[in-house]
Amino acid sequence: MRGRPKSAIDLYIIAKAKELRTEFGYSQAVLAVKLGVSDAFIGQIENPKNTSKYSSEQINKLAQIFNCSPRDFWPEKPLL
């Protein structure tokens, strides 16, 4: 594992994506196909100990998949 640990904002975005994935009934594998990544990548992102996280392009694609705005992945107020 290389890179910077996940920040509070990274964890917020990941939690929102996981919440929507669960609401839509998608497995990690199904979301991976829709997002164009490996299912292992989704598992790495959802693992808080792994440094993998969504890129801005992937957040935009997630918004398309879940029929929402990219803004829906961000908190209304800054995180401390």
Protein backbone atom coordinates (compact mmCIF):
# COMPACT_ATOMS: atom_id res chain seq x y z
CA MET A 1 0.00 0.00 0.00
CA ARG A 2 1.48 3.29 -1.06
CA GLY A 3 0.28 6.84 -0.93
CA ARG A 4 -1.31 9.14 1.55
CA PRO A 5 -3.86 7.74 4.01
CA LYS A 6 -7.48 8.51 3.25
CA SER A 7 -8.61 11.88 4.55
CA ALA A 8 -11.94 12.60 6.22
CA ILE A 9 -13.32 13.87 2.90
CA ASP A 10 -12.12 10.74 1.08
CA LEU A 11 -13.88 8.57 3.65
CA TYR A 12 -17.06 10.66 3.36
CA ILE A 13 -17.16 10.27 -0.44
CA ILE A 14 -16.45 6.54 -0.20
CA ALA A 15 -19.18 6.08 2.42
CA LYS A 16 -21.69 7.94 0.23
CA ALA A 17 -20.80 5.81 -2.80
CA LYS A 18 -21.11 2.63 -0.72
CA GLU A 19 -24.47 3.80 0.66
CA LEU A 20 -25.78 4.36 -2.87
CA ARG A 21 -24.29 1.07 -4.06
CA THR A 22 -26.17 -0.72 -1.29
CA GLU A 23 -29.40 1.22 -1.92
CA PHE A 24 -29.28 0.23 -5.59
CA GLY A 25 -28.54 -3.39 -4.64
CA TYR A 26 -25.23 -3.43 -6.51
CA SER A 27 -22.42 -5.73 -5.47
CA GLN A 28 -18.87 -4.44 -5.67
CA ALA A 29 -18.49 -6.48 -8.86
CA VAL A 30 -21.56 -4.93 -10.50
CA LEU A 31 -20.46 -1.40 -9.61
CA ALA A 32 -16.97 -2.16 -10.90
CA VAL A 33 -18.34 -3.18 -14.31
CA LYS A 34 -20.50 -0.05 -14.51
CA LEU A 35 -17.55 2.13 -13.45
CA GLY A 36 -15.08 0.37 -15.75
CA VAL A 37 -12.70 -0.79 -13.01
CA SER A 38 -11.87 -4.13 -11.42
CA ASP A 39 -14.03 -5.42 -8.59
CA ALA A 40 -10.83 -5.64 -6.55
CA PHE A 41 -10.46 -1.87 -6.98
CA ILE A 42 -13.89 -1.24 -5.42
CA GLY A 43 -12.89 -3.49 -2.52
CA GLN A 44 -9.66 -1.54 -2.08
CA ILE A 45 -11.53 1.76 -2.10
CA GLU A 46 -14.05 0.55 0.48
CA ASN A 47 -11.26 -0.76 2.74
CA PRO A 48 -10.32 2.14 5.06
CA LYS A 49 -6.79 0.75 5.49
CA ASN A 50 -6.09 0.90 1.75
CA THR A 51 -5.05 4.23 0.20
CA SER A 52 -7.12 3.79 -2.99
CA LYS A 53 -9.84 6.39 -3.52
CA TYR A 54 -12.15 7.68 -6.24
CA SER A 55 -10.86 10.22 -8.74
CA SER A 56 -12.95 13.24 -9.74
CA GLU A 57 -13.71 11.50 -13.06
CA GLN A 58 -14.92 8.42 -11.20
CA ILE A 59 -17.11 10.56 -8.91
CA ASN A 60 -18.69 12.07 -12.02
CA LYS A 61 -19.28 8.57 -13.43
CA LEU A 62 -20.74 7.42 -10.09
CA ALA A 63 -23.20 10.33 -10.30
CA GLN A 64 -24.25 9.10 -13.76
CA ILE A 65 -24.61 5.52 -12.50
CA PHE A 66 -26.70 6.57 -9.50
CA ASN A 67 -28.60 9.28 -11.39
CA CYS A 68 -27.58 12.06 -9.01
CA SER A 69 -25.30 15.09 -8.95
CA PRO A 70 -21.56 14.82 -8.29
CA ARG A 71 -22.28 17.31 -5.49
CA ASP A 72 -24.25 14.59 -3.70
CA PHE A 73 -20.94 12.93 -2.83
CA TRP A 74 -19.70 16.00 -0.91
CA PRO A 75 -20.77 17.20 2.54
CA GLU A 76 -22.77 20.43 2.81
CA LYS A 77 -20.27 21.90 5.28
CA PRO A 78 -16.50 21.49 5.50
CA LEU A 79 -15.27 18.54 7.54
CA LEU A 80 -12.93 19.17 10.44
